[in-house]
N, C-alpha and C. Protein backbone atom coordinates (compact mmCIF):
# COMPACT_ATOMS: atom_id res chain seq x y z
N MET A 1 52.24 -245.91 72.36
CA MET A 1 51.98 -244.43 72.27
C MET A 1 53.29 -243.70 72.64
N VAL A 2 53.64 -242.65 71.86
CA VAL A 2 54.80 -241.88 72.03
C VAL A 2 54.41 -240.77 73.07
N ILE A 3 55.21 -240.64 74.17
CA ILE A 3 54.97 -239.64 75.18
C ILE A 3 56.04 -238.54 75.02
N ILE A 4 55.56 -237.26 74.83
CA ILE A 4 56.42 -236.19 74.58
C ILE A 4 56.47 -235.30 75.78
N SER A 5 57.60 -235.02 76.31
CA SER A 5 57.78 -234.12 77.46
C SER A 5 57.62 -232.64 77.07
N ILE A 6 57.15 -231.83 77.98
CA ILE A 6 56.99 -230.42 77.70
C ILE A 6 58.28 -229.82 77.03
N SER A 7 59.37 -230.20 77.50
CA SER A 7 60.69 -229.58 76.98
C SER A 7 60.90 -230.05 75.57
N GLN A 8 60.26 -231.15 75.10
CA GLN A 8 60.52 -231.64 73.67
C GLN A 8 59.46 -231.08 72.75
N MET A 9 58.43 -230.45 73.27
CA MET A 9 57.29 -230.11 72.39
C MET A 9 57.62 -228.87 71.54
N LYS A 10 57.17 -229.04 70.31
CA LYS A 10 57.59 -227.95 69.25
C LYS A 10 56.83 -226.74 69.58
N LYS A 11 57.42 -225.53 69.26
CA LYS A 11 56.82 -224.24 69.41
C LYS A 11 56.19 -223.98 67.95
N ILE A 12 54.93 -223.69 67.94
CA ILE A 12 54.19 -223.54 66.63
C ILE A 12 54.05 -222.05 66.31
N ALA A 13 54.38 -221.75 65.05
CA ALA A 13 54.02 -220.50 64.43
C ALA A 13 52.75 -220.63 63.72
N LEU A 14 51.67 -219.94 64.09
CA LEU A 14 50.35 -220.12 63.59
C LEU A 14 49.77 -218.96 62.78
N PHE A 15 49.36 -219.24 61.58
CA PHE A 15 48.67 -218.18 60.74
C PHE A 15 47.30 -218.58 60.46
N GLY A 16 46.35 -217.62 60.60
CA GLY A 16 44.97 -217.99 60.46
C GLY A 16 44.32 -218.43 61.73
N ALA A 17 44.82 -217.95 62.90
CA ALA A 17 44.33 -218.32 64.20
C ALA A 17 42.86 -217.82 64.40
N THR A 18 42.41 -216.76 63.80
CA THR A 18 41.14 -216.23 64.10
C THR A 18 40.05 -216.82 63.24
N GLY A 19 40.38 -217.64 62.27
CA GLY A 19 39.41 -218.26 61.43
C GLY A 19 38.68 -219.45 62.25
N GLN A 20 37.60 -219.93 61.75
CA GLN A 20 36.84 -220.98 62.52
C GLN A 20 37.66 -222.26 62.76
N THR A 21 38.33 -222.68 61.79
CA THR A 21 39.24 -223.83 61.96
C THR A 21 40.50 -223.49 62.81
N GLY A 22 41.02 -222.27 62.60
CA GLY A 22 42.15 -221.82 63.30
C GLY A 22 41.87 -221.76 64.78
N GLN A 23 40.66 -221.27 65.25
CA GLN A 23 40.39 -221.20 66.61
C GLN A 23 40.26 -222.59 67.26
N LYS A 24 39.71 -223.56 66.50
CA LYS A 24 39.64 -224.83 67.04
C LYS A 24 41.07 -225.46 67.23
N PHE A 25 41.91 -225.28 66.19
CA PHE A 25 43.29 -225.65 66.29
C PHE A 25 43.97 -225.09 67.42
N LEU A 26 43.88 -223.80 67.60
CA LEU A 26 44.55 -223.07 68.72
C LEU A 26 44.14 -223.65 70.02
N LYS A 27 42.82 -223.85 70.32
CA LYS A 27 42.32 -224.41 71.48
C LYS A 27 42.90 -225.80 71.80
N ILE A 28 42.97 -226.68 70.87
CA ILE A 28 43.47 -228.04 71.02
C ILE A 28 44.96 -227.98 71.31
N ALA A 29 45.69 -227.12 70.57
CA ALA A 29 47.11 -227.06 70.71
C ALA A 29 47.52 -226.61 72.07
N LEU A 30 46.84 -225.60 72.60
CA LEU A 30 47.16 -225.11 73.90
C LEU A 30 46.71 -226.05 74.97
N GLU A 31 45.63 -226.76 74.80
CA GLU A 31 45.26 -227.74 75.77
C GLU A 31 46.20 -228.89 75.82
N LYS A 32 46.90 -229.17 74.73
CA LYS A 32 47.87 -230.24 74.79
C LYS A 32 49.29 -229.79 75.21
N GLY A 33 49.46 -228.45 75.49
CA GLY A 33 50.66 -228.01 76.08
C GLY A 33 51.66 -227.40 75.04
N TYR A 34 51.27 -227.24 73.89
CA TYR A 34 52.08 -226.54 72.83
C TYR A 34 52.14 -225.04 73.09
N SER A 35 53.40 -224.48 72.91
CA SER A 35 53.49 -223.06 72.86
C SER A 35 53.17 -222.60 71.45
N VAL A 36 52.45 -221.52 71.34
CA VAL A 36 52.02 -220.94 70.05
C VAL A 36 52.21 -219.52 69.94
N LYS A 37 52.82 -219.08 68.79
CA LYS A 37 52.93 -217.73 68.43
C LYS A 37 51.94 -217.52 67.22
N ALA A 38 51.06 -216.60 67.35
CA ALA A 38 49.99 -216.50 66.33
C ALA A 38 50.02 -215.03 65.75
N LEU A 39 49.66 -214.94 64.48
CA LEU A 39 49.53 -213.70 63.83
C LEU A 39 48.05 -213.42 63.52
N ALA A 40 47.53 -212.24 63.96
CA ALA A 40 46.16 -211.91 63.75
C ALA A 40 46.09 -210.46 63.31
N ARG A 41 45.15 -210.27 62.32
CA ARG A 41 44.90 -208.88 61.83
C ARG A 41 44.22 -208.11 62.93
N ASP A 42 43.47 -208.71 63.78
CA ASP A 42 42.79 -208.09 64.92
C ASP A 42 43.01 -208.98 66.12
N LYS A 43 43.86 -208.51 67.00
CA LYS A 43 44.14 -209.31 68.25
C LYS A 43 42.99 -209.61 69.14
N SER A 44 41.97 -208.58 69.06
CA SER A 44 40.82 -208.75 69.94
C SER A 44 39.92 -209.98 69.57
N LYS A 45 40.19 -210.60 68.42
CA LYS A 45 39.38 -211.74 68.11
C LYS A 45 39.91 -213.03 68.76
N LEU A 46 41.08 -212.95 69.36
CA LEU A 46 41.63 -214.08 70.04
C LEU A 46 41.46 -213.89 71.55
N ASN A 47 40.63 -214.61 72.16
CA ASN A 47 40.36 -214.43 73.60
C ASN A 47 41.01 -215.53 74.47
N ASN A 48 41.87 -216.30 73.83
CA ASN A 48 42.50 -217.36 74.58
C ASN A 48 43.58 -216.73 75.63
N GLN A 49 43.28 -217.02 76.88
CA GLN A 49 44.18 -216.49 77.90
C GLN A 49 45.10 -217.66 78.33
N SER A 50 46.27 -217.61 77.86
CA SER A 50 47.24 -218.73 78.19
C SER A 50 48.67 -218.30 78.18
N PRO A 51 49.50 -218.61 79.19
CA PRO A 51 50.84 -218.30 79.07
C PRO A 51 51.63 -218.94 77.93
N LEU A 52 50.97 -219.82 77.30
CA LEU A 52 51.64 -220.55 76.17
C LEU A 52 51.47 -219.88 74.87
N LEU A 53 50.61 -218.80 74.83
CA LEU A 53 50.12 -218.17 73.72
C LEU A 53 50.77 -216.70 73.59
N THR A 54 51.32 -216.40 72.44
CA THR A 54 51.82 -214.99 72.16
C THR A 54 51.17 -214.56 70.83
N VAL A 55 50.48 -213.46 70.91
CA VAL A 55 49.81 -212.98 69.66
C VAL A 55 50.42 -211.72 69.20
N PHE A 56 50.71 -211.65 67.85
CA PHE A 56 51.16 -210.42 67.23
C PHE A 56 50.06 -209.98 66.23
N GLU A 57 49.89 -208.64 66.26
CA GLU A 57 48.90 -208.11 65.25
C GLU A 57 49.67 -207.70 64.03
N GLY A 58 49.08 -208.15 62.86
CA GLY A 58 49.75 -207.89 61.63
C GLY A 58 49.07 -208.66 60.42
N ASN A 59 49.76 -208.70 59.33
CA ASN A 59 49.28 -209.29 58.11
C ASN A 59 50.23 -210.25 57.50
N VAL A 60 49.76 -211.31 57.04
CA VAL A 60 50.65 -212.32 56.49
C VAL A 60 51.29 -211.82 55.16
N LEU A 61 50.78 -210.86 54.58
CA LEU A 61 51.33 -210.26 53.39
C LEU A 61 52.43 -209.26 53.73
N ASN A 62 52.72 -209.02 54.98
CA ASN A 62 53.74 -208.13 55.46
C ASN A 62 54.88 -209.07 55.90
N ALA A 63 56.01 -208.99 55.26
CA ALA A 63 57.20 -209.86 55.64
C ALA A 63 57.64 -209.65 57.08
N GLN A 64 57.70 -208.44 57.42
CA GLN A 64 58.25 -208.18 58.76
C GLN A 64 57.30 -208.77 59.90
N ASP A 65 55.99 -208.70 59.67
CA ASP A 65 54.98 -209.28 60.59
C ASP A 65 55.15 -210.80 60.62
N VAL A 66 55.42 -211.40 59.49
CA VAL A 66 55.58 -212.83 59.45
C VAL A 66 56.77 -213.21 60.21
N ASN A 67 57.92 -212.48 60.00
CA ASN A 67 59.19 -212.76 60.69
C ASN A 67 59.02 -212.87 62.18
N LYS A 68 58.23 -211.92 62.73
CA LYS A 68 58.06 -211.90 64.19
C LYS A 68 57.45 -213.13 64.72
N VAL A 69 56.58 -213.81 63.95
CA VAL A 69 55.90 -214.97 64.35
C VAL A 69 56.78 -216.20 64.21
N VAL A 70 57.39 -216.28 63.03
CA VAL A 70 58.25 -217.48 62.72
C VAL A 70 59.50 -217.57 63.55
N GLU A 71 60.06 -216.46 63.92
CA GLU A 71 61.35 -216.50 64.71
C GLU A 71 61.14 -217.26 66.02
N ASP A 72 62.12 -218.17 66.31
CA ASP A 72 62.19 -218.94 67.51
C ASP A 72 61.14 -220.05 67.58
N CYS A 73 60.49 -220.29 66.41
CA CYS A 73 59.54 -221.44 66.37
C CYS A 73 60.15 -222.69 65.72
N ASP A 74 59.51 -223.81 65.91
CA ASP A 74 60.02 -225.08 65.38
C ASP A 74 59.20 -225.61 64.13
N ILE A 75 58.08 -225.08 63.98
CA ILE A 75 57.18 -225.59 62.89
C ILE A 75 56.12 -224.52 62.60
N VAL A 76 55.69 -224.41 61.33
CA VAL A 76 54.64 -223.47 60.97
C VAL A 76 53.32 -224.24 60.56
N VAL A 77 52.24 -223.75 61.10
CA VAL A 77 50.82 -224.26 60.72
C VAL A 77 50.12 -223.05 60.10
N SER A 78 49.84 -223.24 58.82
CA SER A 78 49.19 -222.17 57.95
C SER A 78 47.69 -222.47 57.67
N LEU A 79 46.79 -221.79 58.37
CA LEU A 79 45.45 -222.01 58.22
C LEU A 79 44.59 -220.84 57.62
N PHE A 80 45.36 -219.82 57.22
CA PHE A 80 44.68 -218.59 56.62
C PHE A 80 44.17 -218.88 55.25
N GLY A 81 43.14 -218.14 54.92
CA GLY A 81 42.55 -218.31 53.57
C GLY A 81 41.79 -217.07 53.18
N HIS A 82 41.08 -217.27 51.98
CA HIS A 82 40.32 -216.13 51.49
C HIS A 82 39.07 -215.76 52.28
N VAL A 83 38.90 -214.46 52.41
CA VAL A 83 37.70 -213.88 52.97
C VAL A 83 37.17 -212.90 51.89
N LYS A 84 36.10 -212.34 52.16
CA LYS A 84 35.55 -211.27 51.21
C LYS A 84 36.58 -210.09 51.08
N GLY A 85 36.93 -209.83 49.87
CA GLY A 85 37.81 -208.77 49.55
C GLY A 85 39.32 -209.15 49.57
N SER A 86 39.60 -210.43 49.83
CA SER A 86 41.02 -210.87 49.84
C SER A 86 41.69 -210.61 48.48
N PRO A 87 43.02 -210.34 48.44
CA PRO A 87 43.73 -210.27 47.21
C PRO A 87 43.71 -211.59 46.43
N GLU A 88 43.87 -211.56 45.14
CA GLU A 88 43.71 -212.73 44.34
C GLU A 88 44.68 -213.81 44.69
N LEU A 89 45.95 -213.41 45.07
CA LEU A 89 46.99 -214.43 45.41
C LEU A 89 47.33 -214.27 46.86
N LEU A 90 46.36 -214.20 47.68
CA LEU A 90 46.60 -214.18 49.15
C LEU A 90 47.39 -215.33 49.73
N GLN A 91 46.97 -216.51 49.37
CA GLN A 91 47.54 -217.68 49.95
C GLN A 91 48.97 -217.83 49.35
N THR A 92 49.12 -217.62 48.10
CA THR A 92 50.43 -217.76 47.34
C THR A 92 51.40 -216.82 48.00
N ASN A 93 51.08 -215.50 48.01
CA ASN A 93 52.04 -214.49 48.47
C ASN A 93 52.28 -214.66 49.99
N GLY A 94 51.29 -214.90 50.68
CA GLY A 94 51.46 -215.12 52.17
C GLY A 94 52.35 -216.28 52.37
N THR A 95 52.23 -217.36 51.62
CA THR A 95 53.05 -218.61 51.78
C THR A 95 54.49 -218.22 51.39
N LYS A 96 54.68 -217.44 50.42
CA LYS A 96 56.06 -216.99 49.96
C LYS A 96 56.73 -216.30 51.14
N ASN A 97 56.08 -215.36 51.83
CA ASN A 97 56.59 -214.69 52.97
C ASN A 97 56.95 -215.68 54.13
N ILE A 98 56.02 -216.67 54.39
CA ILE A 98 56.35 -217.62 55.38
C ILE A 98 57.50 -218.49 55.03
N ILE A 99 57.63 -218.96 53.81
CA ILE A 99 58.80 -219.78 53.44
C ILE A 99 60.11 -218.93 53.56
N ASN A 100 60.07 -217.70 53.18
CA ASN A 100 61.29 -216.84 53.33
C ASN A 100 61.61 -216.77 54.76
N SER A 101 60.63 -216.59 55.64
CA SER A 101 60.99 -216.59 57.08
C SER A 101 61.52 -217.94 57.64
N MET A 102 60.94 -218.98 57.15
CA MET A 102 61.46 -220.32 57.52
C MET A 102 62.89 -220.51 57.08
N LEU A 103 63.22 -219.96 55.92
CA LEU A 103 64.62 -220.11 55.47
C LEU A 103 65.51 -219.24 56.35
N GLU A 104 65.03 -218.10 56.71
CA GLU A 104 65.91 -217.12 57.47
C GLU A 104 66.11 -217.65 58.91
N PHE A 105 65.04 -218.28 59.50
CA PHE A 105 65.12 -218.78 60.85
C PHE A 105 65.31 -220.32 61.03
N ASN A 106 65.53 -220.95 59.92
CA ASN A 106 65.93 -222.41 59.96
C ASN A 106 64.74 -223.16 60.51
N VAL A 107 63.58 -222.94 60.05
CA VAL A 107 62.42 -223.71 60.39
C VAL A 107 62.16 -224.80 59.37
N ASP A 108 62.00 -226.06 59.77
CA ASP A 108 62.13 -227.11 58.72
C ASP A 108 60.86 -227.59 58.08
N LYS A 109 59.60 -227.28 58.78
CA LYS A 109 58.33 -227.97 58.27
C LYS A 109 57.26 -226.93 58.40
N ILE A 110 56.30 -227.07 57.40
CA ILE A 110 55.04 -226.30 57.33
C ILE A 110 53.86 -227.22 57.03
N ILE A 111 52.85 -227.03 57.75
CA ILE A 111 51.56 -227.70 57.46
C ILE A 111 50.59 -226.63 57.01
N SER A 112 50.00 -226.88 55.87
CA SER A 112 49.18 -225.85 55.22
C SER A 112 47.78 -226.48 54.92
N LEU A 113 46.66 -225.72 55.09
CA LEU A 113 45.33 -226.14 54.94
C LEU A 113 44.79 -225.73 53.53
N SER A 114 44.22 -226.59 52.86
CA SER A 114 43.55 -226.24 51.60
C SER A 114 42.30 -227.08 51.40
N GLY A 115 41.70 -226.97 50.26
CA GLY A 115 40.38 -227.68 50.05
C GLY A 115 40.58 -228.83 49.09
N GLY A 116 39.54 -229.67 48.99
CA GLY A 116 39.59 -230.81 48.08
C GLY A 116 39.60 -230.49 46.71
N GLY A 117 39.38 -229.22 46.36
CA GLY A 117 39.45 -228.83 44.98
C GLY A 117 40.89 -228.73 44.38
N LEU A 118 41.86 -228.69 45.31
CA LEU A 118 43.28 -228.73 44.92
C LEU A 118 43.66 -230.08 44.50
N PRO A 119 44.02 -230.29 43.17
CA PRO A 119 44.32 -231.62 42.70
C PRO A 119 45.59 -232.28 43.13
N TYR A 120 45.59 -233.53 43.34
CA TYR A 120 46.77 -234.30 43.71
C TYR A 120 46.68 -235.61 42.90
N PRO A 121 47.05 -235.45 41.62
CA PRO A 121 46.86 -236.68 40.71
C PRO A 121 47.65 -237.83 41.09
N GLU A 122 48.70 -237.69 41.94
CA GLU A 122 49.51 -238.77 42.38
C GLU A 122 48.70 -239.82 43.18
N LYS A 123 47.70 -239.30 43.90
CA LYS A 123 46.94 -240.26 44.81
C LYS A 123 45.40 -240.14 44.51
N ASP A 124 44.93 -239.03 44.14
CA ASP A 124 43.41 -238.88 43.96
C ASP A 124 42.92 -239.72 42.84
N LYS A 125 41.66 -240.24 43.10
CA LYS A 125 40.84 -240.91 42.12
C LYS A 125 39.44 -240.39 42.12
N PRO A 126 39.30 -239.14 41.66
CA PRO A 126 37.99 -238.44 41.83
C PRO A 126 36.84 -239.15 41.16
N LYS A 127 35.77 -239.20 41.97
CA LYS A 127 34.48 -239.78 41.46
C LYS A 127 33.72 -238.63 40.72
N PHE A 128 32.51 -238.98 40.19
CA PHE A 128 31.77 -237.98 39.51
C PHE A 128 31.45 -236.80 40.38
N VAL A 129 31.04 -236.97 41.60
CA VAL A 129 30.69 -235.87 42.48
C VAL A 129 31.93 -235.02 42.76
N ASP A 130 33.10 -235.60 42.85
CA ASP A 130 34.34 -234.83 43.10
C ASP A 130 34.71 -234.00 41.82
N LYS A 131 34.51 -234.55 40.67
CA LYS A 131 34.74 -233.80 39.49
C LYS A 131 33.77 -232.68 39.30
N LEU A 132 32.62 -232.93 39.70
CA LEU A 132 31.52 -231.92 39.63
C LEU A 132 31.83 -230.72 40.53
N ILE A 133 32.30 -231.07 41.78
CA ILE A 133 32.64 -230.04 42.73
C ILE A 133 33.81 -229.16 42.24
N ARG A 134 34.77 -229.80 41.67
CA ARG A 134 35.98 -229.17 41.15
C ARG A 134 35.55 -228.25 39.94
N THR A 135 34.66 -228.74 39.13
CA THR A 135 34.21 -227.91 37.97
C THR A 135 33.46 -226.67 38.41
N ILE A 136 32.64 -226.89 39.45
CA ILE A 136 31.85 -225.78 40.06
C ILE A 136 32.85 -224.71 40.65
N MET A 137 33.89 -225.15 41.31
CA MET A 137 34.89 -224.24 41.85
C MET A 137 35.61 -223.44 40.77
N LYS A 138 35.91 -224.06 39.64
CA LYS A 138 36.54 -223.41 38.60
C LYS A 138 35.73 -222.29 38.00
N ILE A 139 34.37 -222.52 37.99
CA ILE A 139 33.48 -221.53 37.48
C ILE A 139 33.17 -220.42 38.53
N ALA A 140 32.83 -220.91 39.78
CA ALA A 140 32.33 -219.95 40.86
C ALA A 140 33.43 -219.23 41.59
N VAL A 141 34.52 -219.90 41.92
CA VAL A 141 35.64 -219.29 42.68
C VAL A 141 37.01 -219.58 42.09
N PRO A 142 37.19 -219.22 40.84
CA PRO A 142 38.46 -219.59 40.15
C PRO A 142 39.67 -219.03 40.85
N LYS A 143 39.59 -217.84 41.43
CA LYS A 143 40.74 -217.21 42.05
C LYS A 143 41.18 -218.04 43.34
N VAL A 144 40.24 -218.62 44.07
CA VAL A 144 40.53 -219.38 45.22
C VAL A 144 41.31 -220.70 44.80
N LEU A 145 40.74 -221.34 43.81
CA LEU A 145 41.31 -222.61 43.36
C LEU A 145 42.68 -222.40 42.71
N ASN A 146 42.86 -221.30 41.92
CA ASN A 146 44.14 -220.98 41.30
C ASN A 146 45.11 -220.61 42.34
N ASP A 147 44.71 -219.84 43.30
CA ASP A 147 45.58 -219.51 44.42
C ASP A 147 46.13 -220.74 45.18
N ALA A 148 45.17 -221.67 45.46
CA ALA A 148 45.54 -222.84 46.16
C ALA A 148 46.65 -223.70 45.40
N ILE A 149 46.48 -223.76 44.09
CA ILE A 149 47.39 -224.51 43.17
C ILE A 149 48.76 -223.79 43.24
N ALA A 150 48.79 -222.50 43.11
CA ALA A 150 50.04 -221.73 43.10
C ALA A 150 50.68 -221.78 44.42
N HIS A 151 49.96 -221.81 45.54
CA HIS A 151 50.54 -221.87 46.86
C HIS A 151 51.20 -223.23 47.06
N ALA A 152 50.53 -224.31 46.45
CA ALA A 152 51.20 -225.64 46.46
C ALA A 152 52.49 -225.67 45.74
N ASP A 153 52.51 -225.01 44.59
CA ASP A 153 53.81 -224.94 43.88
C ASP A 153 54.90 -224.25 44.67
N VAL A 154 54.55 -223.23 45.45
CA VAL A 154 55.51 -222.56 46.27
C VAL A 154 56.10 -223.54 47.29
N LEU A 155 55.23 -224.27 47.97
CA LEU A 155 55.67 -225.28 48.96
C LEU A 155 56.61 -226.34 48.34
N LYS A 156 56.21 -226.87 47.14
CA LYS A 156 56.96 -227.87 46.49
C LYS A 156 58.36 -227.37 46.16
N ALA A 157 58.55 -226.13 45.81
CA ALA A 157 59.77 -225.59 45.45
C ALA A 157 60.60 -225.01 46.65
N SER A 158 60.07 -225.13 47.76
CA SER A 158 60.69 -224.42 48.94
C SER A 158 61.93 -225.09 49.56
N GLY A 159 62.11 -226.35 49.28
CA GLY A 159 63.15 -227.17 49.93
C GLY A 159 62.89 -227.47 51.34
N LYS A 160 61.65 -227.23 51.82
CA LYS A 160 61.27 -227.44 53.21
C LYS A 160 60.33 -228.67 53.19
N LYS A 161 60.26 -229.29 54.38
CA LYS A 161 59.13 -230.31 54.49
C LYS A 161 57.83 -229.61 54.56
N TRP A 162 56.90 -230.24 53.92
CA TRP A 162 55.56 -229.75 53.82
C TRP A 162 54.48 -230.80 53.78
N VAL A 163 53.38 -230.42 54.37
CA VAL A 163 52.07 -231.23 54.22
C VAL A 163 50.94 -230.34 53.93
N ILE A 164 50.28 -230.61 52.88
CA ILE A 164 48.96 -229.83 52.55
C ILE A 164 47.84 -230.68 52.98
N VAL A 165 47.16 -230.31 54.00
CA VAL A 165 45.94 -230.96 54.52
C VAL A 165 44.75 -230.48 53.70
N ARG A 166 44.11 -231.33 53.03
CA ARG A 166 42.92 -230.99 52.24
C ARG A 166 41.66 -231.41 52.89
N ALA A 167 40.64 -230.68 52.82
CA ALA A 167 39.31 -231.06 53.45
C ALA A 167 38.15 -230.78 52.51
N PRO A 168 37.07 -231.46 52.77
CA PRO A 168 35.82 -231.18 52.04
C PRO A 168 35.01 -230.14 52.70
N ARG A 169 33.70 -230.08 52.62
CA ARG A 169 32.87 -229.12 53.24
C ARG A 169 33.12 -229.22 54.78
N LEU A 170 33.24 -228.05 55.41
CA LEU A 170 33.53 -227.90 56.79
C LEU A 170 32.21 -227.61 57.57
N THR A 171 32.11 -228.30 58.73
CA THR A 171 30.93 -228.12 59.58
C THR A 171 31.30 -227.80 60.99
N ASN A 172 30.36 -227.27 61.77
CA ASN A 172 30.54 -227.05 63.15
C ASN A 172 29.95 -228.04 64.10
N GLU A 173 29.78 -229.24 63.51
CA GLU A 173 29.18 -230.34 64.24
C GLU A 173 30.19 -230.80 65.40
N ALA A 174 29.70 -231.59 66.34
CA ALA A 174 30.57 -232.00 67.43
C ALA A 174 31.67 -232.88 67.00
N LYS A 175 32.77 -232.78 67.76
CA LYS A 175 33.94 -233.66 67.47
C LYS A 175 33.64 -235.12 67.55
N THR A 176 34.08 -235.89 66.73
CA THR A 176 33.84 -237.35 66.73
C THR A 176 35.11 -238.08 67.15
N GLY A 177 36.28 -237.58 66.87
CA GLY A 177 37.52 -238.40 67.19
C GLY A 177 37.75 -239.49 66.22
N ARG A 178 36.86 -239.66 65.25
CA ARG A 178 36.96 -240.72 64.30
C ARG A 178 36.84 -240.11 62.90
N TYR A 179 37.83 -240.13 62.11
CA TYR A 179 37.82 -239.61 60.75
C TYR A 179 38.71 -240.33 59.85
N ARG A 180 38.54 -240.21 58.51
CA ARG A 180 39.26 -240.94 57.59
C ARG A 180 40.36 -240.08 56.97
N ILE A 181 41.47 -240.76 56.70
CA ILE A 181 42.60 -239.99 56.11
C ILE A 181 42.81 -240.77 54.77
N GLY A 182 42.45 -240.11 53.70
CA GLY A 182 42.59 -240.73 52.35
C GLY A 182 43.04 -239.77 51.25
N TRP A 183 42.33 -239.87 50.15
CA TRP A 183 42.65 -238.96 49.04
C TRP A 183 41.27 -238.63 48.40
N VAL A 184 41.19 -237.63 47.57
CA VAL A 184 39.92 -237.38 46.93
C VAL A 184 39.46 -238.59 46.10
N GLY A 185 38.26 -239.09 46.53
CA GLY A 185 37.75 -240.25 45.84
C GLY A 185 38.18 -241.56 46.36
N VAL A 186 39.08 -241.62 47.38
CA VAL A 186 39.64 -242.79 48.00
C VAL A 186 39.42 -242.75 49.49
N ASN A 187 38.64 -243.55 50.11
CA ASN A 187 38.44 -243.55 51.55
C ASN A 187 38.07 -242.15 52.00
N ALA A 188 37.05 -241.55 51.44
CA ALA A 188 36.66 -240.14 51.68
C ALA A 188 35.20 -239.94 51.57
N SER A 189 34.70 -238.90 52.30
CA SER A 189 33.38 -238.42 52.22
C SER A 189 33.38 -236.97 51.84
N THR A 190 32.20 -236.34 51.96
CA THR A 190 32.08 -234.97 51.47
C THR A 190 32.02 -233.88 52.52
N LYS A 191 32.32 -234.27 53.84
CA LYS A 191 32.29 -233.35 54.93
C LYS A 191 33.22 -233.69 56.04
N ILE A 192 33.54 -232.76 56.87
CA ILE A 192 34.24 -233.09 58.17
C ILE A 192 33.99 -231.86 59.10
N ASN A 193 33.92 -232.08 60.34
CA ASN A 193 33.74 -230.98 61.35
C ASN A 193 35.15 -230.40 61.61
N ARG A 194 35.17 -229.10 62.04
CA ARG A 194 36.36 -228.42 62.20
C ARG A 194 37.22 -228.93 63.34
N TYR A 195 36.60 -229.49 64.34
CA TYR A 195 37.38 -230.02 65.48
C TYR A 195 38.15 -231.25 65.03
N ASP A 196 37.54 -232.14 64.39
CA ASP A 196 38.35 -233.32 63.86
C ASP A 196 39.44 -232.93 62.90
N LEU A 197 39.09 -231.96 62.07
CA LEU A 197 40.10 -231.46 61.06
C LEU A 197 41.31 -230.89 61.85
N ALA A 198 41.05 -230.03 62.85
CA ALA A 198 42.06 -229.38 63.63
C ALA A 198 42.91 -230.47 64.33
N ASP A 199 42.22 -231.49 64.86
CA ASP A 199 42.89 -232.63 65.50
C ASP A 199 43.91 -233.33 64.58
N PHE A 200 43.50 -233.55 63.38
CA PHE A 200 44.43 -234.17 62.41
C PHE A 200 45.60 -233.27 62.10
N ILE A 201 45.32 -231.97 61.91
CA ILE A 201 46.39 -230.97 61.55
C ILE A 201 47.41 -230.95 62.73
N LEU A 202 46.89 -231.00 63.92
CA LEU A 202 47.86 -230.98 65.06
C LEU A 202 48.66 -232.19 65.07
N SER A 203 48.14 -233.34 64.70
CA SER A 203 48.90 -234.56 64.71
C SER A 203 50.02 -234.52 63.81
N GLN A 204 49.99 -233.73 62.76
CA GLN A 204 51.08 -233.63 61.79
C GLN A 204 52.27 -232.77 62.30
N VAL A 205 52.07 -232.11 63.43
CA VAL A 205 53.21 -231.45 64.06
C VAL A 205 54.28 -232.44 64.47
N GLU A 206 53.89 -233.60 64.83
CA GLU A 206 54.85 -234.67 65.37
C GLU A 206 54.97 -235.78 64.25
N ASP A 207 53.89 -235.99 63.48
CA ASP A 207 53.96 -237.09 62.54
C ASP A 207 54.66 -236.79 61.26
N GLU A 208 55.49 -237.68 60.78
CA GLU A 208 56.23 -237.40 59.46
C GLU A 208 55.66 -238.29 58.34
N ASP A 209 54.63 -239.01 58.56
CA ASP A 209 54.11 -239.95 57.53
C ASP A 209 53.63 -239.28 56.22
N PHE A 210 53.06 -238.04 56.42
CA PHE A 210 52.48 -237.40 55.22
C PHE A 210 53.35 -236.23 54.66
N ASN A 211 54.68 -236.21 55.01
CA ASN A 211 55.50 -235.18 54.53
C ASN A 211 55.52 -235.29 52.99
N PHE A 212 55.39 -234.12 52.32
CA PHE A 212 55.48 -233.95 50.84
C PHE A 212 54.23 -234.59 50.19
N GLN A 213 53.11 -234.70 50.94
CA GLN A 213 51.86 -235.17 50.36
C GLN A 213 50.71 -234.27 50.74
N MET A 214 49.54 -234.67 50.21
CA MET A 214 48.31 -233.86 50.30
C MET A 214 47.13 -234.76 50.76
N PRO A 215 47.21 -235.21 52.03
CA PRO A 215 46.14 -236.09 52.51
C PRO A 215 44.73 -235.35 52.55
N PHE A 216 43.73 -236.07 52.36
CA PHE A 216 42.35 -235.61 52.32
C PHE A 216 41.64 -236.16 53.54
N VAL A 217 41.17 -235.31 54.42
CA VAL A 217 40.64 -235.72 55.67
C VAL A 217 39.09 -235.49 55.66
N SER A 218 38.41 -236.52 56.07
CA SER A 218 36.89 -236.39 56.06
C SER A 218 36.30 -237.48 57.03
N LEU A 219 35.01 -237.27 57.26
CA LEU A 219 34.31 -238.21 58.17
C LEU A 219 34.04 -239.52 57.43
């Protein structure tokens, strides 16, 4: 087991902290002693009282707001996503702002959350149910899927280290501490609870094994 001292721990720039997965991630990160700078459209939605947390109110689509969060951080965790009324290219354009800030402030790595609908043909071996889900997404929520694909292209072209963590259906079931890390159709199921997902995402702050890859995390 690698023991990391407080002085060695990375400072995290967090986007999407008020979402259901973002709140779980923030809780775990603070409990483990990480310093976090978070961006929220509404600061009142974050009730975490911790000297390790700094919250800025703003929008990921505003470059100046993004800069305030990324400055002086060591790594970015991007968990924001579409909600009702979101712009069509929310994740793509927000990610562009984040990458520009990373370039300006010399931040080396970003961990981004997406769904299993995002294809990764290098490793995925989708089964019938996986293909069916992807087809339904293309019909029902094409803008979300297209935005996920475009945001991945931004990361691939960034020159930065990146990990895109993909997940199936998310639940609020209790944390298990046991989950599978595979690919769509390979060592995978169709659901995961948000606590276990957040735990894996946090592990990637220190882990380098999945750099430039899109692991699929499930129970």
